[in-house]
C-alpha atoms as a PDB file:
ATOM      1  CA  MET A   1     -26.489 -45.945 105.076  1.00  0.00           C
ATOM      2  CA  ASP A   2     -26.889 -45.118 108.660  1.00  0.00           C
ATOM      3  CA  SER A   3     -24.371 -42.846 110.329  1.00  0.00           C
ATOM      4  CA  GLY A   4     -24.350 -45.008 113.414  1.00  0.00           C
ATOM      5  CA  LEU A   5     -23.412 -48.008 111.206  1.00  0.00           C
ATOM      6  CA  ILE A   6     -20.655 -45.844 109.643  1.00  0.00           C
ATOM      7  CA  LEU A   7     -19.152 -45.041 113.008  1.00  0.00           C
ATOM      8  CA  LEU A   8     -19.348 -48.635 114.149  1.00  0.00           C
ATOM      9  CA  ILE A   9     -17.192 -49.409 111.067  1.00  0.00           C
ATOM     10  CA  PHE A  10     -14.580 -46.962 111.711  1.00  0.00           C
ATOM     11  CA  LEU A  11     -14.672 -48.148 115.387  1.00  0.00           C
ATOM     12  CA  ALA A  12     -13.846 -51.894 114.045  1.00  0.00           C
ATOM     13  CA  PHE A  13     -11.059 -50.569 112.132  1.00  0.00           C
ATOM     14  CA  LEU A  14      -9.681 -48.501 115.184  1.00  0.00           C
ATOM     15  CA  PHE A  15     -10.152 -51.112 117.407  1.00  0.00           C
ATOM     16  CA  ALA A  16      -8.386 -53.848 114.983  1.00  0.00           C
ATOM     17  CA  TRP A  17      -5.246 -51.442 114.737  1.00  0.00           C
ATOM     18  CA  GLY A  18      -5.072 -50.947 118.407  1.00  0.00           C
ATOM     19  CA  LEU A  19      -5.574 -54.730 118.753  1.00  0.00           C
ATOM     20  CA  ASN A  20      -2.913 -55.377 116.509  1.00  0.00           C
ATOM     21  CA  ARG A  21      -0.376 -53.333 118.651  1.00  0.00           C
ATOM     22  CA  VAL A  22      -1.679 -55.012 121.814  1.00  0.00           C
ATOM     23  CA  ARG A  23      -1.029 -58.469 120.258  1.00  0.00           C
ATOM     24  CA  ARG A  24       2.477 -57.736 119.304  1.00  0.00           C
ATOM     25  CA  ALA A  25       3.153 -56.567 122.863  1.00  0.00           C
ATOM     26  CA  PHE A  26       1.636 -59.556 124.574  1.00  0.00           C
ATOM     27  CA  ARG A  27       2.522 -61.899 121.655  1.00  0.00           C
ATOM     28  CA  LEU A  28      -0.976 -63.292 121.160  1.00  0.00           C
ATOM     29  CA  GLY A  29      -1.737 -65.711 118.412  1.00  0.00           C
ATOM     30  CA  PRO A  30      -3.639 -65.386 115.372  1.00  0.00           C
ATOM     31  CA  VAL A  31      -6.409 -67.484 116.875  1.00  0.00           C
ATOM     32  CA  ALA A  32      -6.777 -65.208 119.802  1.00  0.00           C
ATOM     33  CA  TYR A  33      -6.765 -62.233 117.408  1.00  0.00           C
ATOM     34  CA  VAL A  34      -9.372 -63.506 115.422  1.00  0.00           C
ATOM     35  CA  GLY A  35     -11.602 -64.481 118.682  1.00  0.00           C
ATOM     36  CA  VAL A  36     -11.451 -60.957 119.947  1.00  0.00           C
ATOM     37  CA  MET A  37     -12.239 -59.616 116.606  1.00  0.00           C
ATOM     38  CA  ILE A  38     -15.190 -61.841 116.456  1.00  0.00           C
ATOM     39  CA  ALA A  39     -16.474 -60.941 120.016  1.00  0.00           C
ATOM     40  CA  PHE A  40     -16.219 -57.230 119.196  1.00  0.00           C
ATOM     41  CA  VAL A  41     -17.959 -57.474 115.926  1.00  0.00           C
ATOM     42  CA  VAL A  42     -20.854 -59.515 117.887  1.00  0.00           C
ATOM     43  CA  VAL A  43     -21.058 -56.997 120.558  1.00  0.00           C
ATOM     44  CA  MET A  44     -21.006 -53.930 118.242  1.00  0.00           C
ATOM     45  CA  LEU A  45     -23.666 -55.522 116.166  1.00  0.00           C
ATOM     46  CA  ALA A  46     -25.923 -56.275 119.125  1.00  0.00           C
ATOM     47  CA  ILE A  47     -25.366 -52.632 120.422  1.00  0.00           C
ATOM     48  CA  TRP A  48     -26.246 -51.217 116.978  1.00  0.00           C
ATOM     49  CA  GLY A  49     -29.253 -53.502 116.557  1.00  0.00           C
ATOM     50  CA  GLN A  50     -30.534 -52.004 120.068  1.00  0.00           C
ATOM     51  CA  THR A  51     -30.263 -48.500 118.687  1.00  0.00           C
ATOM     52  CA  VAL A  52     -32.100 -49.328 115.333  1.00  0.00           C
ATOM     53  CA  ARG A  53     -35.427 -50.296 116.994  1.00  0.00           C
END
């Protein structure tokens, strides 16, 4: 497994933890939470895809 991919997975978990705390502070619904997580995953995969080439 690529070390960059492992780092991205760690960052995704860290981002999800931080977003959960922000979601409670701003009272975001679950749909907004899922939308932000999907956007984060797409952006991280795009960045990872650029570095693999």
